[in-house]
Amino acid sequence: MSDKLKQLRVQIDGLDDELLKLVNQRAALAQQIGHLKDNGVVLRPEREAQVLQRMQQNNHGPLSNAAVAQLFTEVMSQCRALEAPLMVAYLGPEGTFTEAAALKRFGSAIQAQSCTTIDDVFRAVESGAAHYGVVPAENSTEGAVSRTLDMLMQSPLQICGEVMLPIHQCLLGRHSESGAIRAVYSHPQSFGQCQGWLNSNLPQAARIPVSSNAEAARLSAENPHSAAIAGSQAAALFGLDVLVANIEDDAKNTTRFLVLGNQQVAPSGRDKTSLVMSAANRPGAVHDLLVPLAKNGVSMTKLESRPARSGLWEYVFFVDIEGHLADVKVAAALSELKQIAAFVKVLGSYPVAT
């Protein structure tokens, strides 16, 4: 071993010792803050968002901002766990992208609860069995997740945050020869995200839709002449090989997940507000709904229509706007909107995903 290499390793050892001391100092301060809290709220989403924003702004590399966010998310997760265990329900089973989104948002120091359906995630949080829930909301390729939108209409829960997760689909299995693959299991949305690749590379294989990509991996592990489309995390879980990575047709394929809870989140400085509304049945009613936003200088980032389920050809509109309910412009726009809309429900204000 060269002297230069020895010197560098000695420096790294010294920095590791210093990092350990500093992280434990941070954890001790977090414990003190936990003792001072009197409302039982363990997580402050706006505070954690501010920490990540500040760390990324101060980051000069060589670590990427994504790596910095992941690192400090885990630090906060471990410190938070010293106060009380955080229970997070997610759309399972284990090995799904929703689990990955939950871990990206909360870190690994949580008690993760796998739920069979989106409805079960809502119920777990509503009943107090979980502090927070994570559900898929929309995919950049396949569009909105209808059941999540329907449940948001019915539930008293608030949106407390969002997670943007790049979705990299992989072909998992045990046979690298495509001719040996007679069937491919996957969730219908994943088939939609990979149909171009499948048409070109596995046109002869039957496509069998299942309830989740983790279930697809489990079935493929039992059938040697099959493959599954799932995330790489499912390969290790079910003992499969990643035969081909990143088979999604859109390289920027991303799914947005929502974090559900019972608390109203304070402003973080970079927030988004989600609401659902409906218009009276008259000419120009939809246009009139958008006037208060434009008049008060509030930028709309999403407009999604859904059947209202209250009558034939009646619709509700899911809207995302920039800003927080506490912002003067947003408050003014919503006040005017409530006077002209047939129905308005604010789903929550929360930090924009980093």
Protein backbone atom coordinates (compact mmCIF):
# COMPACT_ATOMS: atom_id res chain seq x y z
CA MET A 1 0.00 0.00 0.00
CA SER A 2 1.42 3.40 -0.98
CA ASP A 3 2.06 6.12 1.60
CA LYS A 4 -0.39 8.41 -0.21
CA LEU A 5 -3.16 5.83 0.05
CA LYS A 6 -2.44 5.33 3.75
CA GLN A 7 -2.63 9.09 4.35
CA LEU A 8 -5.97 9.37 2.56
CA ARG A 9 -7.44 6.50 4.57
CA VAL A 10 -6.24 8.05 7.81
CA GLN A 11 -8.02 11.28 6.80
CA ILE A 12 -11.20 9.34 6.00
CA ASP A 13 -11.06 7.57 9.39
CA GLY A 14 -10.72 10.93 11.13
CA LEU A 15 -13.68 12.38 9.21
CA ASP A 16 -15.78 9.28 9.96
CA ASP A 17 -15.10 9.70 13.67
CA GLU A 18 -16.09 13.36 13.46
CA LEU A 19 -19.24 12.53 11.47
CA LEU A 20 -20.25 9.94 14.06
CA LYS A 21 -19.85 12.46 16.86
CA LEU A 22 -21.82 15.14 14.99
CA VAL A 23 -24.65 12.78 14.02
CA ASN A 24 -25.03 11.68 17.63
CA GLN A 25 -25.05 15.31 18.73
CA ARG A 26 -27.86 15.92 16.24
CA ALA A 27 -29.73 12.89 17.55
CA ALA A 28 -29.43 14.16 21.13
CA LEU A 29 -30.88 17.52 20.10
CA ALA A 30 -33.72 15.74 18.30
CA GLN A 31 -34.47 13.86 21.51
CA GLN A 32 -34.63 17.13 23.43
CA ILE A 33 -37.05 18.55 20.86
CA GLY A 34 -39.18 15.42 21.21
CA HIS A 35 -39.43 15.92 24.97
CA LEU A 36 -40.57 19.53 24.45
CA LYS A 37 -43.40 18.61 22.07
CA ASP A 38 -46.76 18.48 23.80
CA ASN A 39 -49.08 17.72 20.88
CA GLY A 40 -47.90 14.19 20.10
CA VAL A 41 -46.91 15.12 16.55
CA VAL A 42 -43.65 13.35 15.69
CA LEU A 43 -43.27 14.48 12.09
CA ARG A 44 -43.19 18.08 10.86
CA PRO A 45 -43.21 17.77 7.05
CA GLU A 46 -42.52 21.48 6.48
CA ARG A 47 -39.48 21.39 8.78
CA GLU A 48 -37.99 18.32 7.08
CA ALA A 49 -38.61 19.87 3.67
CA GLN A 50 -36.77 23.01 4.77
CA VAL A 51 -33.81 20.94 5.95
CA LEU A 52 -33.54 19.13 2.61
CA GLN A 53 -33.93 22.37 0.64
CA ARG A 54 -31.18 24.04 2.66
CA MET A 55 -28.80 21.08 2.35
CA GLN A 56 -29.28 20.96 -1.41
CA GLN A 57 -28.77 24.70 -1.76
CA ASN A 58 -25.54 24.47 0.24
CA ASN A 59 -24.29 21.39 -1.60
CA HIS A 60 -21.15 22.00 -3.67
CA GLY A 61 -20.50 18.34 -4.56
CA PRO A 62 -19.16 15.95 -5.54
CA LEU A 63 -22.31 14.34 -4.10
CA SER A 64 -25.43 15.00 -6.18
CA ASN A 65 -28.43 16.78 -4.68
CA ALA A 66 -30.37 13.52 -4.89
CA ALA A 67 -27.68 11.75 -2.88
CA VAL A 68 -27.64 14.56 -0.32
CA ALA A 69 -31.43 14.36 0.03
CA GLN A 70 -31.27 10.59 0.51
CA LEU A 71 -28.48 10.90 3.08
CA PHE A 72 -30.23 13.53 5.21
CA THR A 73 -33.60 11.80 4.89
CA GLU A 74 -32.05 8.76 6.52
CA VAL A 75 -30.36 10.86 9.22
CA MET A 76 -33.71 12.50 10.04
CA SER A 77 -35.43 9.10 9.96
CA GLN A 78 -33.06 7.62 12.54
CA CYS A 79 -33.27 10.74 14.75
CA ARG A 80 -37.08 10.79 14.47
CA ALA A 81 -37.26 7.16 15.57
CA LEU A 82 -35.67 8.11 18.90
CA GLU A 83 -38.84 10.09 19.71
CA ALA A 84 -41.39 7.44 18.76
CA PRO A 85 -41.81 4.76 16.09
CA LEU A 86 -43.50 6.17 13.00
CA MET A 87 -46.01 3.79 11.43
CA VAL A 88 -46.50 4.22 7.69
CA ALA A 89 -49.08 2.30 5.67
CA TYR A 90 -48.46 1.78 1.96
CA LEU A 91 -50.00 -0.01 -0.98
CA GLY A 92 -48.25 -3.37 -0.89
CA PRO A 93 -47.11 -5.98 -1.01
CA GLU A 94 -43.45 -5.71 -0.05
CA GLY A 95 -41.25 -4.97 -3.04
CA THR A 96 -43.59 -2.54 -4.81
CA PHE A 97 -42.75 0.95 -6.05
CA THR A 98 -45.09 2.34 -3.38
CA GLU A 99 -42.89 0.80 -0.69
CA ALA A 100 -39.88 2.39 -2.38
CA ALA A 101 -41.68 5.75 -2.33
CA ALA A 102 -42.46 5.37 1.39
CA LEU A 103 -38.80 4.64 2.15
CA LYS A 104 -37.66 7.55 -0.01
CA ARG A 105 -39.90 9.92 1.93
CA PHE A 106 -39.55 8.59 5.49
CA GLY A 107 -36.24 6.69 5.49
CA SER A 108 -35.77 3.16 6.78
CA ALA A 109 -36.40 3.80 10.52
CA ILE A 110 -40.17 3.32 10.28
CA GLN A 111 -42.67 0.57 10.93
CA ALA A 112 -43.95 -0.06 7.41
CA GLN A 113 -47.41 -1.59 7.06
CA SER A 114 -48.21 -3.28 3.76
CA CYS A 115 -51.85 -2.90 2.71
CA THR A 116 -53.71 -4.91 0.09
CA THR A 117 -55.66 -2.03 -1.44
CA ILE A 118 -55.61 1.77 -1.66
CA ASP A 119 -58.80 1.78 0.42
CA ASP A 120 -56.97 -0.14 3.16
CA VAL A 121 -54.23 2.51 3.26
CA PHE A 122 -56.83 5.23 3.80
CA ARG A 123 -58.57 3.17 6.49
CA ALA A 124 -55.32 2.47 8.34
CA VAL A 125 -54.59 6.20 8.68
CA GLU A 126 -58.19 7.19 9.40
CA SER A 127 -58.42 4.63 12.21
CA GLY A 128 -55.11 5.60 13.77
CA ALA A 129 -53.48 2.25 13.01
CA ALA A 130 -50.86 4.21 11.01
CA HIS A 131 -49.59 7.76 11.33
CA TYR A 132 -49.28 8.25 7.57
CA GLY A 133 -50.15 6.49 4.35
CA VAL A 134 -48.50 6.44 0.93
CA VAL A 135 -50.53 5.82 -2.23
CA PRO A 136 -49.85 6.25 -5.96
CA ALA A 137 -51.62 9.25 -7.51
CA GLU A 138 -50.49 9.48 -11.13
CA ASN A 139 -47.93 8.23 -13.60
CA SER A 140 -46.37 10.39 -16.29
CA THR A 141 -47.11 7.74 -18.92
CA GLU A 142 -50.35 6.11 -17.80
CA GLY A 143 -52.09 9.03 -16.09
CA ALA A 144 -54.08 9.28 -12.86
CA VAL A 145 -54.79 6.46 -10.40
CA SER A 146 -58.57 6.63 -10.30
CA ARG A 147 -59.11 4.92 -6.94
CA THR A 148 -56.82 7.35 -5.14
CA LEU A 149 -58.74 10.33 -6.54
CA ASP A 150 -62.06 8.75 -5.59
CA MET A 151 -60.89 8.13 -2.02
CA LEU A 152 -59.59 11.68 -1.66
CA MET A 153 -63.13 12.87 -2.40
CA GLN A 154 -64.54 10.75 0.44
CA SER A 155 -61.83 10.78 3.10
CA PRO A 156 -61.23 13.37 5.84
CA LEU A 157 -57.47 12.83 5.49
CA GLN A 158 -55.17 15.61 4.35
CA ILE A 159 -52.41 15.39 1.77
CA CYS A 160 -49.26 15.99 3.84
CA GLY A 161 -46.66 15.54 1.13
CA GLU A 162 -45.75 14.10 -2.24
CA VAL A 163 -43.00 11.85 -3.56
CA MET A 164 -41.76 11.84 -7.14
CA LEU A 165 -40.22 8.47 -7.91
CA PRO A 166 -38.51 7.72 -11.24
CA ILE A 167 -39.90 4.37 -12.35
CA HIS A 168 -37.37 2.02 -13.91
CA GLN A 169 -39.02 -1.20 -14.95
CA CYS A 170 -36.93 -4.36 -15.20
CA LEU A 171 -37.52 -7.73 -16.77
CA LEU A 172 -36.97 -10.26 -14.00
CA GLY A 173 -36.66 -14.02 -14.33
CA ARG A 174 -34.31 -16.96 -14.53
CA HIS A 175 -34.05 -17.50 -18.30
CA SER A 176 -31.96 -14.99 -20.21
CA GLU A 177 -33.02 -16.59 -23.51
CA SER A 178 -36.13 -14.77 -24.68
CA GLY A 179 -37.39 -17.86 -26.48
CA ALA A 180 -37.72 -19.67 -23.16
CA ILE A 181 -40.07 -17.02 -21.76
CA ARG A 182 -43.66 -18.04 -22.48
CA ALA A 183 -45.47 -15.63 -20.14
CA VAL A 184 -44.83 -12.24 -18.56
CA TYR A 185 -46.54 -11.20 -15.34
CA SER A 186 -47.02 -7.58 -14.32
CA HIS A 187 -49.41 -4.91 -13.12
CA PRO A 188 -51.52 -3.44 -15.96
CA GLN A 189 -49.90 -0.01 -15.56
CA SER A 190 -46.44 -1.51 -15.98
CA PHE A 191 -47.55 -3.31 -19.12
CA GLY A 192 -48.70 0.05 -20.43
CA GLN A 193 -45.35 1.64 -19.60
CA CYS A 194 -43.40 -1.12 -21.39
CA GLN A 195 -45.61 -2.15 -24.30
CA GLY A 196 -43.19 -0.88 -26.95
CA TRP A 197 -40.31 -2.90 -25.52
CA LEU A 198 -42.50 -5.99 -25.13
CA ASN A 199 -43.78 -5.74 -28.71
CA SER A 200 -40.21 -5.62 -30.01
CA ASN A 201 -38.56 -8.17 -27.73
CA LEU A 202 -41.17 -10.59 -26.40
CA PRO A 203 -44.03 -10.54 -28.91
CA GLN A 204 -44.69 -14.25 -28.46
CA ALA A 205 -45.04 -14.20 -24.66
CA ALA A 206 -48.49 -14.07 -23.06
CA ARG A 207 -49.04 -10.97 -20.91
CA ILE A 208 -50.74 -11.85 -17.65
CA PRO A 209 -51.96 -8.90 -15.52
CA VAL A 210 -51.75 -9.29 -11.74
CA SER A 211 -52.50 -7.11 -8.71
CA SER A 212 -48.95 -5.80 -8.20
CA ASN A 213 -45.44 -6.07 -9.58
CA ALA A 214 -44.33 -7.82 -6.40
CA GLU A 215 -46.99 -10.45 -7.02
CA ALA A 216 -45.71 -10.72 -10.60
CA ALA A 217 -42.20 -11.43 -9.29
CA ARG A 218 -43.53 -14.03 -6.86
CA LEU A 219 -45.42 -15.85 -9.63
CA SER A 220 -42.43 -15.74 -11.94
CA ALA A 221 -40.25 -17.28 -9.24
CA GLU A 222 -42.65 -20.24 -9.23
CA ASN A 223 -42.73 -20.59 -13.02
CA PRO A 224 -39.33 -21.13 -14.66
CA HIS A 225 -40.66 -20.36 -18.15
CA SER A 226 -41.94 -16.91 -17.24
CA ALA A 227 -40.69 -13.43 -16.46
CA ALA A 228 -41.97 -10.46 -14.50
CA ILE A 229 -41.90 -6.72 -15.00
CA ALA A 230 -41.05 -5.06 -11.70
CA GLY A 231 -38.53 -2.90 -9.93
CA SER A 232 -35.05 -4.20 -9.19
CA GLN A 233 -35.91 -4.40 -5.46
CA ALA A 234 -38.33 -7.25 -6.22
CA ALA A 235 -35.54 -9.32 -7.81
CA ALA A 236 -33.63 -9.70 -4.54
CA LEU A 237 -36.84 -10.28 -2.60
CA PHE A 238 -37.92 -13.25 -4.73
CA GLY A 239 -34.55 -14.62 -5.84
CA LEU A 240 -34.79 -13.55 -9.49
CA ASP A 241 -32.21 -12.13 -11.87
CA VAL A 242 -32.52 -8.76 -13.56
CA LEU A 243 -32.56 -9.99 -17.17
CA VAL A 244 -32.96 -6.53 -18.74
CA ALA A 245 -32.97 -3.23 -16.88
CA ASN A 246 -34.87 -0.05 -17.75
CA ILE A 247 -37.34 -1.47 -20.27
CA GLU A 248 -39.85 1.39 -19.82
CA ASP A 249 -40.69 3.11 -23.10
CA ASP A 250 -40.25 6.59 -21.61
CA ALA A 251 -36.86 7.18 -19.97
CA LYS A 252 -38.44 9.95 -17.86
CA ASN A 253 -41.21 7.66 -16.59
CA THR A 254 -42.17 8.96 -13.13
CA THR A 255 -44.90 8.19 -10.63
CA ARG A 256 -46.21 10.73 -8.15
CA PHE A 257 -47.18 9.37 -4.75
CA LEU A 258 -49.17 11.19 -2.07
CA VAL A 259 -48.50 11.13 1.67
CA LEU A 260 -51.75 11.06 3.66
CA GLY A 261 -52.21 12.12 7.28
CA ASN A 262 -54.46 13.78 9.82
CA GLN A 263 -52.50 17.01 10.22
CA GLN A 264 -52.49 20.31 8.41
CA VAL A 265 -48.95 21.11 7.31
CA ALA A 266 -47.51 24.56 7.98
CA PRO A 267 -45.84 26.54 5.16
CA SER A 268 -42.35 25.42 4.17
CA GLY A 269 -41.66 28.28 1.73
CA ARG A 270 -42.08 26.08 -1.36
CA ASP A 271 -45.52 24.54 -1.25
CA LYS A 272 -48.38 23.18 -3.31
CA THR A 273 -52.11 23.09 -2.56
CA SER A 274 -54.48 20.44 -3.92
CA LEU A 275 -58.24 20.80 -4.13
CA VAL A 276 -61.26 19.29 -5.83
CA MET A 277 -64.21 21.31 -7.09
CA SER A 278 -67.24 21.15 -9.33
CA ALA A 279 -68.99 23.70 -11.49
CA ALA A 280 -72.65 24.57 -11.75
CA ASN A 281 -74.34 23.16 -14.84
CA ARG A 282 -74.42 26.32 -16.98
CA PRO A 283 -72.45 27.73 -19.94
CA GLY A 284 -69.02 29.08 -19.01
CA ALA A 285 -69.08 27.61 -15.51
CA VAL A 286 -65.72 25.84 -15.83
CA HIS A 287 -64.09 29.00 -17.15
CA ASP A 288 -65.51 30.93 -14.18
CA LEU A 289 -63.83 28.48 -11.77
CA LEU A 290 -60.41 29.46 -13.11
CA VAL A 291 -60.95 33.22 -12.97
CA PRO A 292 -60.21 33.61 -9.22
CA LEU A 293 -56.86 31.86 -9.67
CA ALA A 294 -55.82 34.07 -12.57
CA LYS A 295 -57.17 37.22 -10.91
CA ASN A 296 -55.07 36.64 -7.78
CA GLY A 297 -51.92 35.56 -9.60
CA VAL A 298 -52.09 31.92 -8.46
CA SER A 299 -50.45 29.47 -10.87
CA MET A 300 -52.31 26.24 -11.60
CA THR A 301 -50.04 23.23 -12.23
CA LYS A 302 -52.66 20.53 -12.77
CA LEU A 303 -56.29 20.20 -13.86
CA GLU A 304 -57.81 16.70 -13.97
CA SER A 305 -61.48 15.92 -14.57
CA ARG A 306 -63.24 12.89 -13.07
CA PRO A 307 -66.85 11.65 -13.18
CA ALA A 308 -68.64 12.95 -10.09
CA ARG A 309 -70.55 9.67 -9.58
CA SER A 310 -73.53 11.83 -8.57
CA GLY A 311 -75.21 12.04 -11.94
CA LEU A 312 -74.81 11.28 -15.63
CA TRP A 313 -72.18 13.45 -17.33
CA GLU A 314 -71.38 15.39 -14.15
CA TYR A 315 -67.70 15.97 -13.36
CA VAL A 316 -65.40 17.16 -10.61
CA PHE A 317 -62.03 18.77 -11.20
CA PHE A 318 -58.86 17.97 -9.27
CA VAL A 319 -56.57 20.99 -9.23
CA ASP A 320 -53.03 21.63 -7.99
CA ILE A 321 -51.92 25.21 -7.46
CA GLU A 322 -48.64 26.77 -6.37
CA GLY A 323 -48.54 28.13 -2.84
CA HIS A 324 -49.94 27.41 0.62
CA LEU A 325 -53.36 28.02 2.14
CA ALA A 326 -51.69 30.53 4.44
CA ASP A 327 -50.45 32.60 1.47
CA VAL A 328 -52.47 35.77 0.95
CA LYS A 329 -52.97 35.20 -2.79
CA VAL A 330 -54.04 31.58 -2.36
CA ALA A 331 -56.42 32.44 0.49
CA ALA A 332 -58.03 35.20 -1.57
CA ALA A 333 -58.43 32.97 -4.62
CA LEU A 334 -60.02 30.16 -2.61
CA SER A 335 -62.38 32.57 -0.85
CA GLU A 336 -63.67 33.79 -4.23
CA LEU A 337 -63.76 30.27 -5.62
CA LYS A 338 -65.99 29.02 -2.80
CA GLN A 339 -68.53 31.71 -3.64
CA ILE A 340 -68.99 30.56 -7.24
CA ALA A 341 -68.23 26.83 -7.26
CA ALA A 342 -70.93 24.26 -6.67
CA PHE A 343 -68.49 22.32 -4.47
CA VAL A 344 -64.94 22.91 -3.18
CA LYS A 345 -62.83 20.67 -0.96
CA VAL A 346 -59.23 21.55 -0.08
CA LEU A 347 -57.23 18.32 0.03
CA GLY A 348 -54.15 19.85 1.66
CA SER A 349 -51.20 22.20 1.43
CA TYR A 350 -47.79 20.53 1.56
CA PRO A 351 -44.14 20.91 0.53
CA VAL A 352 -43.32 20.41 -3.13
CA ALA A 353 -41.32 17.20 -3.64
CA THR A 354 -37.56 17.79 -3.69
